[in-house]
Amino acid sequence: MTDAGPAIRGRVVAKQLGMVDVACMMEKPQIPDDYARGRRDGLRLALSIISAEEARWAALIGESRSWRTNATRAIRHKAYQVAHARVQTALNRLLPKSVATLPVEIASMIDKAGL
């Protein structure tokens, strides 16, 4: 007799006892539309803030006479670039397949805020 592993043995025992394996039957619950929209808006806001900080640190690279300060600024700028890419990726995963661009009302609110 071969050892099938604890996960398979657990399912076999559950079947023998007449228990239902809920893990196999669970599906991803639907997220309410308002909640999903709020998550996307939050990511868009984070993206605009990161972009503003990235631009700020890009302007400061190489301005100091100290090599250590310049290196720190370059590292910080690179960190903002990485954060920007990660937030953009998360936002793209949350966007509905039919919507690939920023809605007009969100873009106008970002422009109003000066970000």
Protein backbone atom coordinates (compact mmCIF):
# COMPACT_ATOMS: atom_id res chain seq x y z
CA MET A 1 0.00 0.00 0.00
CA THR A 2 1.40 3.42 -0.95
CA ASP A 3 1.19 6.51 1.19
CA ALA A 4 -1.09 8.94 -0.62
CA GLY A 5 -0.31 11.91 1.59
CA PRO A 6 -2.23 13.62 4.38
CA ALA A 7 -4.48 15.71 2.14
CA ILE A 8 -5.78 12.76 0.14
CA ARG A 9 -6.10 10.56 3.21
CA GLY A 10 -8.12 13.32 4.90
CA ARG A 11 -10.54 13.46 1.97
CA VAL A 12 -10.95 9.70 1.96
CA VAL A 13 -11.71 9.68 5.68
CA ALA A 14 -14.14 12.58 5.23
CA LYS A 15 -15.96 10.66 2.48
CA GLN A 16 -16.13 7.54 4.63
CA LEU A 17 -17.69 9.55 7.46
CA GLY A 18 -20.20 11.15 5.09
CA MET A 19 -18.70 14.62 5.41
CA VAL A 20 -18.76 17.11 2.56
CA ASP A 21 -15.47 18.50 1.26
CA VAL A 22 -16.22 22.20 1.27
CA ALA A 23 -12.78 23.25 0.03
CA CYS A 24 -13.45 21.72 -3.38
CA MET A 25 -16.88 23.32 -3.66
CA MET A 26 -15.97 26.89 -2.67
CA GLU A 27 -16.03 29.51 -5.37
CA LYS A 28 -14.77 33.05 -5.26
CA PRO A 29 -17.58 35.26 -3.91
CA GLN A 30 -18.75 38.17 -6.00
CA ILE A 31 -17.48 41.53 -4.75
CA PRO A 32 -20.17 44.24 -4.65
CA ASP A 33 -19.75 46.83 -7.39
CA ASP A 34 -19.39 49.76 -4.95
CA TYR A 35 -16.63 47.96 -3.06
CA ALA A 36 -14.74 47.11 -6.24
CA ARG A 37 -15.08 50.69 -7.50
CA GLY A 38 -13.75 52.00 -4.18
CA ARG A 39 -10.74 49.69 -4.38
CA ARG A 40 -9.97 50.87 -7.90
CA ASP A 41 -10.36 54.54 -6.91
CA GLY A 42 -8.02 54.01 -3.97
CA LEU A 43 -5.41 52.42 -6.22
CA ARG A 44 -5.74 55.28 -8.71
CA LEU A 45 -5.20 57.79 -5.93
CA ALA A 46 -2.16 55.84 -4.69
CA LEU A 47 -0.85 55.74 -8.25
CA SER A 48 -1.13 59.51 -8.64
CA ILE A 49 0.59 60.14 -5.29
CA ILE A 50 3.42 57.75 -6.17
CA SER A 51 3.81 59.44 -9.55
CA ALA A 52 4.09 62.87 -7.91
CA GLU A 53 6.71 61.62 -5.43
CA GLU A 54 8.61 59.88 -8.21
CA ALA A 55 8.77 63.12 -10.20
CA ARG A 56 9.90 65.02 -7.11
CA TRP A 57 12.82 62.65 -6.46
CA ALA A 58 13.74 62.45 -10.15
CA ALA A 59 14.34 66.20 -10.12
CA LEU A 60 16.66 65.91 -7.10
CA ILE A 61 18.94 63.16 -8.46
CA GLY A 62 22.47 64.45 -8.92
CA GLU A 63 21.78 67.88 -7.38
CA SER A 64 23.82 67.36 -4.24
CA ARG A 65 27.62 67.49 -4.01
CA SER A 66 27.54 64.46 -1.74
CA TRP A 67 27.71 61.11 -3.52
CA ARG A 68 25.93 59.43 -0.61
CA THR A 69 22.96 61.80 -0.83
CA ASN A 70 22.78 61.33 -4.60
CA ALA A 71 22.89 57.55 -4.20
CA THR A 72 20.13 57.67 -1.59
CA ARG A 73 17.99 59.83 -3.87
CA ALA A 74 18.55 57.47 -6.80
CA ILE A 75 17.55 54.48 -4.69
CA ARG A 76 14.45 56.25 -3.42
CA HIS A 77 13.50 57.20 -6.99
CA LYS A 78 13.93 53.59 -8.10
CA ALA A 79 11.76 52.42 -5.18
CA TYR A 80 9.01 54.78 -6.33
CA GLN A 81 9.32 53.43 -9.88
CA VAL A 82 8.91 49.87 -8.60
CA ALA A 83 5.96 50.87 -6.41
CA HIS A 84 4.37 52.61 -9.40
CA ALA A 85 4.67 49.47 -11.51
CA ARG A 86 3.24 47.26 -8.76
CA VAL A 87 0.26 49.52 -8.07
CA GLN A 88 -0.41 49.81 -11.81
CA THR A 89 -0.36 46.01 -12.09
CA ALA A 90 -2.78 45.67 -9.17
CA LEU A 91 -5.07 48.27 -10.73
CA ASN A 92 -5.01 46.50 -14.10
CA ARG A 93 -6.03 43.24 -12.40
CA LEU A 94 -9.00 44.93 -10.74
CA LEU A 95 -10.24 46.78 -13.82
CA PRO A 96 -13.10 45.18 -15.71
CA LYS A 97 -11.99 43.72 -19.03
CA SER A 98 -14.04 46.28 -20.98
CA VAL A 99 -12.50 49.31 -19.18
CA ALA A 100 -8.84 49.90 -19.92
CA THR A 101 -8.59 53.66 -19.49
CA LEU A 102 -9.11 56.06 -16.62
CA PRO A 103 -12.73 57.30 -16.38
CA VAL A 104 -13.19 60.97 -17.21
CA GLU A 105 -14.62 61.91 -13.80
CA ILE A 106 -11.68 60.34 -11.95
CA ALA A 107 -9.17 62.06 -14.23
CA SER A 108 -10.85 65.43 -13.67
CA MET A 109 -10.85 64.91 -9.87
CA ILE A 110 -7.12 64.09 -9.95
CA ASP A 111 -6.44 67.22 -12.00
CA LYS A 112 -8.51 69.30 -9.58
CA ALA A 113 -6.50 67.95 -6.63
CA GLY A 114 -3.30 68.96 -8.41
CA LEU A 115 -1.79 65.50 -8.43
